[in-house]
Amino acid sequence: MLILSLRKKQIIRLFCIVGAFTALAVVIVLLSSILTRDRDKYREFDGKTLCLEINDSSDALLAAGFFGADTENALVSCQSITIPHSFNELYDQYNGLQRDFGSDLSLYKGQECLRYTIRCESAPFEGTVYTLLVCDGRLIGGDISDMDYYGSMTGLIHKGS
């Protein structure tokens, strides 16, 4: 009888130890995923931090302001787009701008995204358009375009104040 009761205690102790290690592993995995998600939510540019989470037009205006837009009289539009499954030469060049920003649109091929377009209407920004690409509530890229006849397009670059 003594042998049987000793084995039961050992088995119970073993289950408790395994259960404690399992619970600890679950807590570590959950905490690391939460901390990683929050870290991926922000990106630093020249010592300034941008929140990459964009859920609506007001968030898009804040992000455009971070990149230098005068958002006081800006017009905002939002359109659903699909990143193409295969890129042509023009899209490859555009993706080069996104890589300069620190993103890669090829990771989002075939996915539906939102394109926020912020058009500045006050001088000296008049005719400047900020385009933000948002997938699953996260800024994945965009551009800054000058709408003059010989206008230019750049990637998203922080304009420090």
N, C-alpha and C. Protein backbone atom coordinates (compact mmCIF):
# COMPACT_ATOMS: atom_id res chain seq x y z
N MET A 1 0.82 -1.19 0.00
CA MET A 1 0.00 0.00 0.00
C MET A 1 0.86 1.25 0.00
N LEU A 2 1.96 1.21 0.73
CA LEU A 2 2.86 2.35 0.81
C LEU A 2 3.46 2.66 -0.56
N ILE A 3 3.80 1.65 -1.32
CA ILE A 3 4.39 1.83 -2.65
C ILE A 3 3.37 2.49 -3.59
N LEU A 4 2.15 2.05 -3.57
CA LEU A 4 1.11 2.60 -4.42
C LEU A 4 0.85 4.06 -4.09
N SER A 5 0.76 4.42 -2.84
CA SER A 5 0.50 5.80 -2.45
C SER A 5 1.68 6.70 -2.81
N LEU A 6 2.88 6.21 -2.73
CA LEU A 6 4.06 6.96 -3.10
C LEU A 6 4.04 7.26 -4.60
N ARG A 7 3.67 6.31 -5.40
CA ARG A 7 3.59 6.50 -6.84
C ARG A 7 2.51 7.51 -7.20
N LYS A 8 1.39 7.47 -6.52
CA LYS A 8 0.33 8.45 -6.78
C LYS A 8 0.84 9.87 -6.50
N LYS A 9 1.55 10.05 -5.42
CA LYS A 9 2.10 11.36 -5.08
C LYS A 9 3.10 11.82 -6.13
N GLN A 10 3.93 10.92 -6.60
CA GLN A 10 4.90 11.27 -7.63
C GLN A 10 4.20 11.67 -8.93
N ILE A 11 3.18 10.92 -9.28
CA ILE A 11 2.43 11.22 -10.51
C ILE A 11 1.74 12.58 -10.40
N ILE A 12 1.13 12.84 -9.27
CA ILE A 12 0.46 14.13 -9.06
C ILE A 12 1.48 15.26 -9.10
N ARG A 13 2.63 15.07 -8.45
CA ARG A 13 3.70 16.08 -8.46
C ARG A 13 4.18 16.33 -9.89
N LEU A 14 4.34 15.27 -10.66
CA LEU A 14 4.79 15.39 -12.04
C LEU A 14 3.77 16.18 -12.87
N PHE A 15 2.49 15.88 -12.70
CA PHE A 15 1.45 16.62 -13.42
C PHE A 15 1.44 18.10 -13.03
N CYS A 16 1.66 18.39 -11.77
CA CYS A 16 1.72 19.78 -11.31
C CYS A 16 2.90 20.52 -11.93
N ILE A 17 4.04 19.86 -11.98
CA ILE A 17 5.23 20.49 -12.57
C ILE A 17 5.02 20.74 -14.06
N VAL A 18 4.53 19.73 -14.77
CA VAL A 18 4.27 19.88 -16.21
C VAL A 18 3.22 20.97 -16.44
N GLY A 19 2.18 21.01 -15.63
CA GLY A 19 1.14 22.04 -15.76
C GLY A 19 1.69 23.44 -15.53
N ALA A 20 2.57 23.57 -14.53
CA ALA A 20 3.16 24.88 -14.24
C ALA A 20 4.04 25.35 -15.40
N PHE A 21 4.85 24.46 -15.96
CA PHE A 21 5.69 24.83 -17.10
C PHE A 21 4.84 25.17 -18.33
N THR A 22 3.76 24.45 -18.54
CA THR A 22 2.87 24.73 -19.67
C THR A 22 2.23 26.11 -19.50
N ALA A 23 1.75 26.40 -18.31
CA ALA A 23 1.14 27.71 -18.06
C ALA A 23 2.17 28.82 -18.24
N LEU A 24 3.38 28.62 -17.78
CA LEU A 24 4.44 29.61 -17.95
C LEU A 24 4.75 29.83 -19.43
N ALA A 25 4.80 28.76 -20.20
CA ALA A 25 5.07 28.89 -21.64
C ALA A 25 3.95 29.66 -22.33
N VAL A 26 2.70 29.42 -21.98
CA VAL A 26 1.57 30.14 -22.57
C VAL A 26 1.66 31.62 -22.24
N VAL A 27 1.98 31.96 -21.00
CA VAL A 27 2.11 33.36 -20.60
C VAL A 27 3.23 34.04 -21.38
N ILE A 28 4.36 33.38 -21.55
CA ILE A 28 5.49 33.96 -22.29
C ILE A 28 5.11 34.20 -23.74
N VAL A 29 4.44 33.25 -24.37
CA VAL A 29 4.02 33.41 -25.78
C VAL A 29 3.04 34.56 -25.92
N LEU A 30 2.06 34.65 -25.04
CA LEU A 30 1.08 35.74 -25.12
C LEU A 30 1.73 37.11 -24.92
N LEU A 31 2.60 37.22 -23.92
CA LEU A 31 3.27 38.49 -23.67
C LEU A 31 4.17 38.90 -24.83
N SER A 32 4.90 37.96 -25.38
CA SER A 32 5.78 38.30 -26.50
C SER A 32 4.99 38.72 -27.73
N SER A 33 3.84 38.10 -27.99
CA SER A 33 3.04 38.52 -29.14
C SER A 33 2.44 39.90 -28.93
N ILE A 34 2.02 40.21 -27.71
CA ILE A 34 1.48 41.54 -27.43
C ILE A 34 2.57 42.60 -27.57
N LEU A 35 3.74 42.34 -27.01
CA LEU A 35 4.84 43.31 -27.08
C LEU A 35 5.33 43.49 -28.52
N THR A 36 5.38 42.43 -29.30
CA THR A 36 5.81 42.52 -30.69
C THR A 36 4.79 43.30 -31.50
N ARG A 37 3.52 43.07 -31.26
CA ARG A 37 2.47 43.78 -32.00
C ARG A 37 2.55 45.28 -31.72
N ASP A 38 2.74 45.68 -30.48
CA ASP A 38 2.85 47.10 -30.16
C ASP A 38 4.11 47.71 -30.76
N ARG A 39 5.21 46.96 -30.78
CA ARG A 39 6.45 47.49 -31.36
C ARG A 39 6.28 47.68 -32.87
N ASP A 40 5.59 46.77 -33.55
CA ASP A 40 5.37 46.88 -34.98
C ASP A 40 4.37 47.97 -35.33
N LYS A 41 3.68 48.48 -34.35
CA LYS A 41 2.67 49.51 -34.55
C LYS A 41 3.30 50.88 -34.80
N TYR A 42 4.57 51.06 -34.43
CA TYR A 42 5.24 52.35 -34.53
C TYR A 42 6.52 52.22 -35.37
N ARG A 43 6.87 53.31 -36.04
CA ARG A 43 8.14 53.37 -36.76
C ARG A 43 8.76 54.73 -36.47
N GLU A 44 10.08 54.72 -36.31
CA GLU A 44 10.79 55.95 -35.97
C GLU A 44 11.48 56.52 -37.21
N PHE A 45 11.34 57.84 -37.39
CA PHE A 45 11.97 58.59 -38.48
C PHE A 45 12.67 59.79 -37.86
N ASP A 46 13.97 59.89 -38.00
CA ASP A 46 14.73 61.04 -37.51
C ASP A 46 14.38 61.39 -36.07
N GLY A 47 14.24 60.37 -35.23
CA GLY A 47 13.95 60.61 -33.83
C GLY A 47 12.49 60.88 -33.52
N LYS A 48 11.64 60.94 -34.51
CA LYS A 48 10.19 61.14 -34.31
C LYS A 48 9.48 59.82 -34.58
N THR A 49 8.44 59.54 -33.82
CA THR A 49 7.73 58.27 -33.92
C THR A 49 6.38 58.46 -34.60
N LEU A 50 6.11 57.58 -35.57
CA LEU A 50 4.84 57.58 -36.30
C LEU A 50 4.06 56.33 -35.93
N CYS A 51 2.78 56.49 -35.63
CA CYS A 51 1.90 55.35 -35.41
C CYS A 51 1.44 54.87 -36.78
N LEU A 52 1.70 53.60 -37.09
CA LEU A 52 1.35 53.04 -38.39
C LEU A 52 -0.10 52.56 -38.45
N GLU A 53 -0.81 52.64 -37.33
CA GLU A 53 -2.20 52.20 -37.29
C GLU A 53 -3.09 53.31 -37.83
N ILE A 54 -3.81 53.03 -38.91
CA ILE A 54 -4.72 54.01 -39.51
C ILE A 54 -6.08 53.35 -39.65
N ASN A 55 -7.05 53.90 -38.93
CA ASN A 55 -8.40 53.32 -38.93
C ASN A 55 -9.44 54.19 -39.61
N ASP A 56 -9.13 55.47 -39.82
CA ASP A 56 -10.11 56.37 -40.43
C ASP A 56 -9.39 57.58 -41.03
N SER A 57 -10.19 58.51 -41.57
CA SER A 57 -9.63 59.68 -42.24
C SER A 57 -8.84 60.58 -41.29
N SER A 58 -9.24 60.66 -40.03
CA SER A 58 -8.50 61.52 -39.10
C SER A 58 -7.11 60.93 -38.82
N ASP A 59 -7.00 59.61 -38.73
CA ASP A 59 -5.69 58.98 -38.57
C ASP A 59 -4.83 59.22 -39.81
N ALA A 60 -5.47 59.17 -41.00
CA ALA A 60 -4.74 59.41 -42.24
C ALA A 60 -4.22 60.85 -42.29
N LEU A 61 -5.02 61.80 -41.82
CA LEU A 61 -4.58 63.20 -41.77
C LEU A 61 -3.39 63.38 -40.83
N LEU A 62 -3.43 62.69 -39.70
CA LEU A 62 -2.30 62.78 -38.76
C LEU A 62 -1.02 62.23 -39.40
N ALA A 63 -1.15 61.11 -40.10
CA ALA A 63 0.02 60.52 -40.77
C ALA A 63 0.53 61.45 -41.87
N ALA A 64 -0.37 62.03 -42.66
CA ALA A 64 0.05 62.95 -43.72
C ALA A 64 0.75 64.17 -43.11
N GLY A 65 0.25 64.66 -41.99
CA GLY A 65 0.91 65.76 -41.29
C GLY A 65 2.30 65.39 -40.83
N PHE A 66 2.48 64.16 -40.41
CA PHE A 66 3.80 63.67 -40.01
C PHE A 66 4.77 63.75 -41.19
N PHE A 67 4.26 63.52 -42.40
CA PHE A 67 5.11 63.55 -43.59
C PHE A 67 5.17 64.94 -44.22
N GLY A 68 4.63 65.96 -43.53
CA GLY A 68 4.81 67.33 -43.97
C GLY A 68 3.59 68.01 -44.55
N ALA A 69 2.46 67.34 -44.60
CA ALA A 69 1.26 67.95 -45.19
C ALA A 69 0.68 69.02 -44.28
N ASP A 70 0.19 70.09 -44.91
CA ASP A 70 -0.59 71.09 -44.18
C ASP A 70 -2.04 70.59 -44.24
N THR A 71 -2.49 69.98 -43.16
CA THR A 71 -3.78 69.30 -43.17
C THR A 71 -4.96 70.19 -42.80
N GLU A 72 -4.70 71.49 -42.60
CA GLU A 72 -5.78 72.38 -42.17
C GLU A 72 -6.91 72.45 -43.20
N ASN A 73 -6.59 72.62 -44.47
CA ASN A 73 -7.60 72.72 -45.51
C ASN A 73 -7.51 71.53 -46.48
N ALA A 74 -7.03 70.41 -46.00
CA ALA A 74 -6.81 69.26 -46.87
C ALA A 74 -8.12 68.54 -47.15
N LEU A 75 -8.20 68.00 -48.35
CA LEU A 75 -9.34 67.18 -48.76
C LEU A 75 -8.91 65.72 -48.69
N VAL A 76 -9.73 64.89 -48.04
CA VAL A 76 -9.38 63.48 -47.87
C VAL A 76 -10.40 62.61 -48.59
N SER A 77 -9.90 61.66 -49.35
CA SER A 77 -10.78 60.66 -49.95
C SER A 77 -10.21 59.28 -49.65
N CYS A 78 -11.07 58.30 -49.66
CA CYS A 78 -10.67 56.93 -49.36
C CYS A 78 -11.29 56.01 -50.39
N GLN A 79 -10.48 55.12 -50.93
CA GLN A 79 -10.94 54.20 -51.97
C GLN A 79 -10.36 52.82 -51.70
N SER A 80 -11.17 51.80 -51.91
CA SER A 80 -10.70 50.43 -51.77
C SER A 80 -9.99 50.01 -53.06
N ILE A 81 -8.79 49.45 -52.92
CA ILE A 81 -8.02 48.98 -54.08
C ILE A 81 -7.50 47.58 -53.79
N THR A 82 -7.04 46.91 -54.83
CA THR A 82 -6.42 45.60 -54.68
C THR A 82 -5.00 45.69 -55.21
N ILE A 83 -4.03 45.29 -54.40
CA ILE A 83 -2.64 45.24 -54.86
C ILE A 83 -2.59 44.13 -55.93
N PRO A 84 -2.03 44.42 -57.11
CA PRO A 84 -2.02 43.40 -58.18
C PRO A 84 -1.27 42.13 -57.79
N HIS A 85 -1.70 41.01 -58.36
CA HIS A 85 -1.04 39.73 -58.13
C HIS A 85 0.35 39.68 -58.75
N SER A 86 0.51 40.38 -59.88
CA SER A 86 1.83 40.45 -60.52
C SER A 86 2.11 41.91 -60.85
N PHE A 87 3.36 42.32 -60.68
CA PHE A 87 3.74 43.71 -60.88
C PHE A 87 4.31 43.89 -62.28
N ASN A 88 3.89 44.98 -62.94
CA ASN A 88 4.53 45.38 -64.19
C ASN A 88 5.71 46.30 -63.84
N GLU A 89 6.39 46.82 -64.86
CA GLU A 89 7.59 47.63 -64.62
C GLU A 89 7.27 48.88 -63.80
N LEU A 90 6.14 49.52 -64.08
CA LEU A 90 5.75 50.72 -63.34
C LEU A 90 5.50 50.40 -61.86
N TYR A 91 4.82 49.30 -61.60
CA TYR A 91 4.55 48.93 -60.22
C TYR A 91 5.84 48.52 -59.50
N ASP A 92 6.78 47.91 -60.23
CA ASP A 92 8.09 47.59 -59.63
C ASP A 92 8.82 48.87 -59.21
N GLN A 93 8.74 49.91 -60.06
CA GLN A 93 9.37 51.19 -59.71
C GLN A 93 8.67 51.80 -58.49
N TYR A 94 7.34 51.74 -58.47
CA TYR A 94 6.59 52.27 -57.34
C TYR A 94 6.94 51.50 -56.06
N ASN A 95 7.11 50.19 -56.17
CA ASN A 95 7.48 49.39 -55.02
C ASN A 95 8.88 49.76 -54.52
N GLY A 96 9.74 50.26 -55.41
CA GLY A 96 11.04 50.76 -54.99
C GLY A 96 10.90 51.92 -54.02
N LEU A 97 9.92 52.81 -54.28
CA LEU A 97 9.65 53.91 -53.33
C LEU A 97 9.20 53.36 -51.98
N GLN A 98 8.42 52.28 -52.03
CA GLN A 98 7.93 51.70 -50.78
C GLN A 98 9.06 51.05 -49.99
N ARG A 99 10.01 50.46 -50.69
CA ARG A 99 11.15 49.86 -50.00
C ARG A 99 11.99 50.94 -49.32
N ASP A 100 12.09 52.13 -49.96
CA ASP A 100 12.79 53.24 -49.32
C ASP A 100 12.09 53.64 -48.02
N PHE A 101 10.78 53.48 -47.98
CA PHE A 101 9.99 53.79 -46.79
C PHE A 101 10.17 52.69 -45.73
N GLY A 102 10.58 51.51 -46.17
CA GLY A 102 10.75 50.40 -45.23
C GLY A 102 9.66 49.36 -45.36
N SER A 103 8.95 49.37 -46.47
CA SER A 103 7.88 48.42 -46.70
C SER A 103 8.12 47.72 -48.03
N ASP A 104 7.33 46.71 -48.31
CA ASP A 104 7.45 45.98 -49.57
C ASP A 104 6.05 45.54 -49.98
N LEU A 105 5.52 46.14 -51.04
CA LEU A 105 4.17 45.84 -51.46
C LEU A 105 4.03 44.42 -52.02
N SER A 106 5.13 43.80 -52.40
CA SER A 106 5.03 42.44 -52.92
C SER A 106 4.53 41.47 -51.84
N LEU A 107 4.66 41.85 -50.58
CA LEU A 107 4.14 41.03 -49.48
C LEU A 107 2.62 41.09 -49.41
N TYR A 108 2.02 42.05 -50.13
CA TYR A 108 0.57 42.27 -50.07
C TYR A 108 -0.12 41.99 -51.40
N LYS A 109 0.56 41.27 -52.30
CA LYS A 109 -0.01 40.97 -53.61
C LYS A 109 -1.36 40.29 -53.47
N GLY A 110 -2.34 40.81 -54.21
CA GLY A 110 -3.68 40.24 -54.21
C GLY A 110 -4.55 40.66 -53.05
N GLN A 111 -4.02 41.42 -52.11
CA GLN A 111 -4.81 41.83 -50.95
C GLN A 111 -5.56 43.13 -51.21
N GLU A 112 -6.71 43.24 -50.59
CA GLU A 112 -7.49 44.47 -50.68
C GLU A 112 -7.00 45.45 -49.63
N CYS A 113 -6.80 46.69 -50.05
CA CYS A 113 -6.30 47.75 -49.16
C CYS A 113 -7.15 49.00 -49.33
N LEU A 114 -6.91 49.94 -48.48
CA LEU A 114 -7.53 51.27 -48.61
C LEU A 114 -6.46 52.25 -49.06
N ARG A 115 -6.84 53.11 -50.00
CA ARG A 115 -5.94 54.16 -50.45
C ARG A 115 -6.55 55.49 -50.00
N TYR A 116 -5.87 56.13 -49.04
CA TYR A 116 -6.28 57.47 -48.59
C TYR A 116 -5.52 58.48 -49.42
N THR A 117 -6.23 59.41 -49.99
CA THR A 117 -5.63 60.48 -50.77
C THR A 117 -5.90 61.79 -50.06
N ILE A 118 -4.85 62.50 -49.69
CA ILE A 118 -4.96 63.77 -48.98
C ILE A 118 -4.41 64.84 -49.89
N ARG A 119 -5.28 65.75 -50.32
CA ARG A 119 -4.87 66.82 -51.23
C ARG A 119 -4.81 68.13 -50.45
N CYS A 120 -3.63 68.73 -50.44
CA CYS A 120 -3.43 69.99 -49.72
C CYS A 120 -3.90 71.15 -50.60
N GLU A 121 -4.66 72.05 -50.00
CA GLU A 121 -5.22 73.17 -50.75
C GLU A 121 -4.67 74.52 -50.35
N SER A 122 -3.70 74.54 -49.43
CA SER A 122 -3.16 75.84 -49.00
C SER A 122 -1.71 75.97 -49.44
N ALA A 123 -1.32 77.19 -49.79
CA ALA A 123 0.05 77.47 -50.24
C ALA A 123 1.00 77.24 -49.08
N PRO A 124 2.21 76.82 -49.26
CA PRO A 124 2.89 76.47 -50.50
C PRO A 124 2.67 75.02 -50.92
N PHE A 125 1.77 74.30 -50.23
CA PHE A 125 1.55 72.88 -50.50
C PHE A 125 0.51 72.65 -51.59
N GLU A 126 -0.11 73.72 -52.08
CA GLU A 126 -1.19 73.59 -53.05
C GLU A 126 -0.74 72.72 -54.21
N GLY A 127 -1.55 71.73 -54.53
CA GLY A 127 -1.20 70.83 -55.61
C GLY A 127 -0.37 69.64 -55.16
N THR A 128 -0.15 69.49 -53.86
CA THR A 128 0.57 68.34 -53.35
C THR A 128 -0.44 67.30 -52.86
N VAL A 129 -0.21 66.06 -53.27
CA VAL A 129 -1.11 64.98 -52.89
C VAL A 129 -0.31 63.93 -52.12
N TYR A 130 -0.82 63.55 -50.97
CA TYR A 130 -0.24 62.50 -50.13
C TYR A 130 -1.13 61.27 -50.27
N THR A 131 -0.55 60.17 -50.70
CA THR A 131 -1.29 58.93 -50.85
C THR A 131 -0.78 57.95 -49.81
N LEU A 132 -1.70 57.40 -49.03
CA LEU A 132 -1.35 56.43 -47.99
C LEU A 132 -2.05 55.11 -48.30
N LEU A 133 -1.29 54.04 -48.33
CA LEU A 133 -1.85 52.70 -48.56
C LEU A 133 -1.96 51.99 -47.22
N VAL A 134 -3.16 51.52 -46.91
CA VAL A 134 -3.44 50.93 -45.61
C VAL A 134 -4.05 49.54 -45.81
N CYS A 135 -3.44 48.56 -45.19
CA CYS A 135 -3.94 47.18 -45.28
C CYS A 135 -4.17 46.67 -43.87
N ASP A 136 -5.37 46.21 -43.60
CA ASP A 136 -5.73 45.70 -42.26
C ASP A 136 -5.43 46.72 -41.17
N GLY A 137 -5.71 48.01 -41.44
CA GLY A 137 -5.54 49.05 -40.45
C GLY A 137 -4.10 49.48 -40.22
N ARG A 138 -3.20 49.08 -41.10
CA ARG A 138 -1.77 49.40 -40.93
C ARG A 138 -1.24 50.08 -42.19
N LEU A 139 -0.49 51.16 -41.99
CA LEU A 139 0.14 51.88 -43.10
C LEU A 139 1.23 51.01 -43.70
N ILE A 140 1.09 50.67 -44.99
CA ILE A 140 2.08 49.80 -45.64
C ILE A 140 2.87 50.54 -46.70
N GLY A 141 2.53 51.80 -46.98
CA GLY A 141 3.28 52.56 -47.97
C GLY A 141 2.49 53.75 -48.46
N GLY A 142 2.99 54.36 -49.52
CA GLY A 142 2.33 55.51 -50.11
C GLY A 142 3.34 56.38 -50.82
N ASP A 143 2.89 57.59 -51.17
CA ASP A 143 3.78 58.50 -51.87
C ASP A 143 3.35 59.95 -51.65
N ILE A 144 4.24 60.84 -52.04
CA ILE A 144 3.97 62.28 -52.03
C ILE A 144 4.17 62.75 -53.46
N SER A 145 3.12 63.32 -54.05
CA SER A 145 3.16 63.73 -55.45
C SER A 145 2.94 65.22 -55.59
N ASP A 146 3.71 65.82 -56.48
CA ASP A 146 3.55 67.22 -56.85
C ASP A 146 2.74 67.22 -58.14
N MET A 147 1.60 67.88 -58.16
CA MET A 147 0.70 67.81 -59.29
C MET A 147 0.99 68.83 -60.38
N ASP A 148 2.14 69.51 -60.33
CA ASP A 148 2.52 70.42 -61.41
C ASP A 148 2.70 69.64 -62.71
N TYR A 149 2.80 70.37 -63.83
CA TYR A 149 2.96 69.73 -65.14
C TYR A 149 4.18 68.82 -65.16
N TYR A 150 5.29 69.28 -64.63
CA TYR A 150 6.50 68.47 -64.53
C TYR A 150 6.68 67.96 -63.10
N GLY A 151 5.59 67.57 -62.49
CA GLY A 151 5.60 67.16 -61.08
C GLY A 151 6.44 65.94 -60.82
N SER A 152 6.63 65.66 -59.57
CA SER A 152 7.46 64.54 -59.16
C SER A 152 6.73 63.71 -58.13
N MET A 153 7.25 62.52 -57.90
CA MET A 153 6.69 61.62 -56.90
C MET A 153 7.85 61.10 -56.05
N THR A 154 7.67 61.13 -54.74
CA THR A 154 8.66 60.57 -53.83
C THR A 154 7.95 59.60 -52.90
N GLY A 155 8.74 58.79 -52.22
CA GLY A 155 8.18 57.93 -51.18
C GLY A 155 7.84 58.76 -49.97
N LEU A 156 7.26 58.12 -48.99
CA LEU A 156 6.91 58.82 -47.75
C LEU A 156 8.18 59.12 -46.98
N ILE A 157 8.44 60.41 -46.81
CA ILE A 157 9.64 60.88 -46.13
C ILE A 157 9.19 61.82 -45.02
N HIS A 158 9.74 61.59 -43.81
CA HIS A 158 9.39 62.46 -42.69
C HIS A 158 9.96 63.86 -42.92
N LYS A 159 9.10 64.85 -42.80
CA LYS A 159 9.52 66.26 -42.89
C LYS A 159 9.57 66.80 -41.47
N GLY A 160 10.73 66.75 -40.88
CA GLY A 160 10.89 67.19 -39.49
C GLY A 160 10.64 68.67 -39.32
N SER A 161 10.16 69.02 -38.13
CA SER A 161 9.90 70.44 -37.86
C SER A 161 10.91 70.99 -36.88
